[in-house]
């Protein structure tokens, strides 16, 4: 079995669907993968940044609201 034969089989299945169903399936799968990558990346960044020495572990939700006097 070739390395990408599995993906070719999936793509052939998508091509066998009516066009609108294939489109919805591809777009939906793409959005799902993007969300998984986003959440997974956020988790990894939080784990790595807590290990940086000299950095505070607290984070602000935006720019500071303190006024300079």
C-alpha atoms as a PDB file:
ATOM      1  CA  UNK A   1       0.000   0.000   0.000  1.00  0.00           C
ATOM      2  CA  UNK A   2       1.380   3.375  -0.992  1.00  0.00           C
ATOM      3  CA  UNK A   3       1.702   6.026   1.734  1.00  0.00           C
ATOM      4  CA  UNK A   4      -1.054   8.268   0.386  1.00  0.00           C
ATOM      5  CA  UNK A   5      -3.398   5.541  -0.843  1.00  0.00           C
ATOM      6  CA  UNK A   6      -5.623   6.063   2.211  1.00  0.00           C
ATOM      7  CA  UNK A   7      -6.021   9.765   1.377  1.00  0.00           C
ATOM      8  CA  UNK A   8      -6.686   8.952  -2.275  1.00  0.00           C
ATOM      9  CA  UNK A   9      -9.473   6.616  -1.173  1.00  0.00           C
ATOM     10  CA  UNK A  10     -11.035   9.330   0.965  1.00  0.00           C
ATOM     11  CA  UNK A  11     -10.800  11.852  -1.879  1.00  0.00           C
ATOM     12  CA  UNK A  12     -12.430   9.409  -4.318  1.00  0.00           C
ATOM     13  CA  UNK A  13     -15.269   8.955  -1.825  1.00  0.00           C
ATOM     14  CA  UNK A  14     -15.722  12.731  -1.600  1.00  0.00           C
ATOM     15  CA  UNK A  15     -15.765  12.991  -5.402  1.00  0.00           C
ATOM     16  CA  UNK A  16     -18.502  10.339  -5.544  1.00  0.00           C
ATOM     17  CA  UNK A  17     -20.795  12.550  -3.441  1.00  0.00           C
ATOM     18  CA  UNK A  18     -23.022  15.206  -4.997  1.00  0.00           C
ATOM     19  CA  UNK A  19     -21.118  18.477  -5.378  1.00  0.00           C
ATOM     20  CA  UNK A  20     -22.828  20.352  -2.549  1.00  0.00           C
ATOM     21  CA  UNK A  21     -22.306  17.478  -0.099  1.00  0.00           C
ATOM     22  CA  UNK A  22     -18.641  17.188  -1.041  1.00  0.00           C
ATOM     23  CA  UNK A  23     -18.217  20.934  -0.612  1.00  0.00           C
ATOM     24  CA  UNK A  24     -19.890  20.926   2.810  1.00  0.00           C
ATOM     25  CA  UNK A  25     -17.820  17.926   3.886  1.00  0.00           C
ATOM     26  CA  UNK A  26     -14.506  19.470   2.794  1.00  0.00           C
ATOM     27  CA  UNK A  27     -15.281  22.884   4.319  1.00  0.00           C
ATOM     28  CA  UNK A  28     -16.552  21.335   7.561  1.00  0.00           C
ATOM     29  CA  UNK A  29     -13.515  19.075   7.878  1.00  0.00           C
ATOM     30  CA  UNK A  30     -11.205  22.024   7.192  1.00  0.00           C
ATOM     31  CA  UNK A  31     -12.850  24.127   9.899  1.00  0.00           C
ATOM     32  CA  UNK A  32     -12.651  21.229  12.348  1.00  0.00           C
ATOM     33  CA  UNK A  33      -8.947  20.683  11.662  1.00  0.00           C
ATOM     34  CA  UNK A  34      -8.283  24.430  11.996  1.00  0.00           C
ATOM     35  CA  UNK A  35     -10.016  24.518  15.395  1.00  0.00           C
ATOM     36  CA  UNK A  36      -8.101  21.465  16.630  1.00  0.00           C
ATOM     37  CA  UNK A  37      -4.802  23.041  15.545  1.00  0.00           C
ATOM     38  CA  UNK A  38      -5.729  26.366  17.190  1.00  0.00           C
ATOM     39  CA  UNK A  39      -6.713  24.809  20.519  1.00  0.00           C
ATOM     40  CA  UNK A  40      -3.764  22.408  20.486  1.00  0.00           C
ATOM     41  CA  UNK A  41      -1.365  25.257  19.746  1.00  0.00           C
ATOM     42  CA  UNK A  42      -2.805  27.350  22.564  1.00  0.00           C
ATOM     43  CA  UNK A  43      -2.332  24.482  25.011  1.00  0.00           C
ATOM     44  CA  UNK A  44       1.265  23.946  23.896  1.00  0.00           C
ATOM     45  CA  UNK A  45       2.087  27.665  24.105  1.00  0.00           C
ATOM     46  CA  UNK A  46       0.697  27.846  27.644  1.00  0.00           C
ATOM     47  CA  UNK A  47       2.797  24.851  28.679  1.00  0.00           C
ATOM     48  CA  UNK A  48       5.979  26.275  27.179  1.00  0.00           C
ATOM     49  CA  UNK A  49       5.515  29.817  28.475  1.00  0.00           C
ATOM     50  CA  UNK A  50       5.043  28.661  32.067  1.00  0.00           C
ATOM     51  CA  UNK A  51       8.566  27.231  31.922  1.00  0.00           C
ATOM     52  CA  UNK A  52      10.344  30.418  30.866  1.00  0.00           C
ATOM     53  CA  UNK A  53      12.410  31.573  33.877  1.00  0.00           C
ATOM     54  CA  UNK A  54      11.877  35.138  35.032  1.00  0.00           C
ATOM     55  CA  UNK A  55       8.471  35.463  33.443  1.00  0.00           C
ATOM     56  CA  UNK A  56       5.281  36.006  35.372  1.00  0.00           C
ATOM     57  CA  UNK A  57       2.723  33.217  34.996  1.00  0.00           C
ATOM     58  CA  UNK A  58      -0.180  35.659  35.189  1.00  0.00           C
ATOM     59  CA  UNK A  59      -1.445  37.083  31.952  1.00  0.00           C
ATOM     60  CA  UNK A  60      -3.465  40.161  31.263  1.00  0.00           C
ATOM     61  CA  UNK A  61      -6.491  40.099  29.030  1.00  0.00           C
ATOM     62  CA  UNK A  62      -5.434  43.202  27.159  1.00  0.00           C
ATOM     63  CA  UNK A  63      -3.562  46.463  27.378  1.00  0.00           C
ATOM     64  CA  UNK A  64      -2.948  47.886  30.799  1.00  0.00           C
ATOM     65  CA  UNK A  65      -5.561  50.313  32.088  1.00  0.00           C
ATOM     66  CA  UNK A  66      -3.160  52.061  34.497  1.00  0.00           C
ATOM     67  CA  UNK A  67      -2.608  55.751  33.959  1.00  0.00           C
ATOM     68  CA  UNK A  68       0.809  57.291  34.178  1.00  0.00           C
ATOM     69  CA  UNK A  69       0.882  60.065  36.778  1.00  0.00           C
END
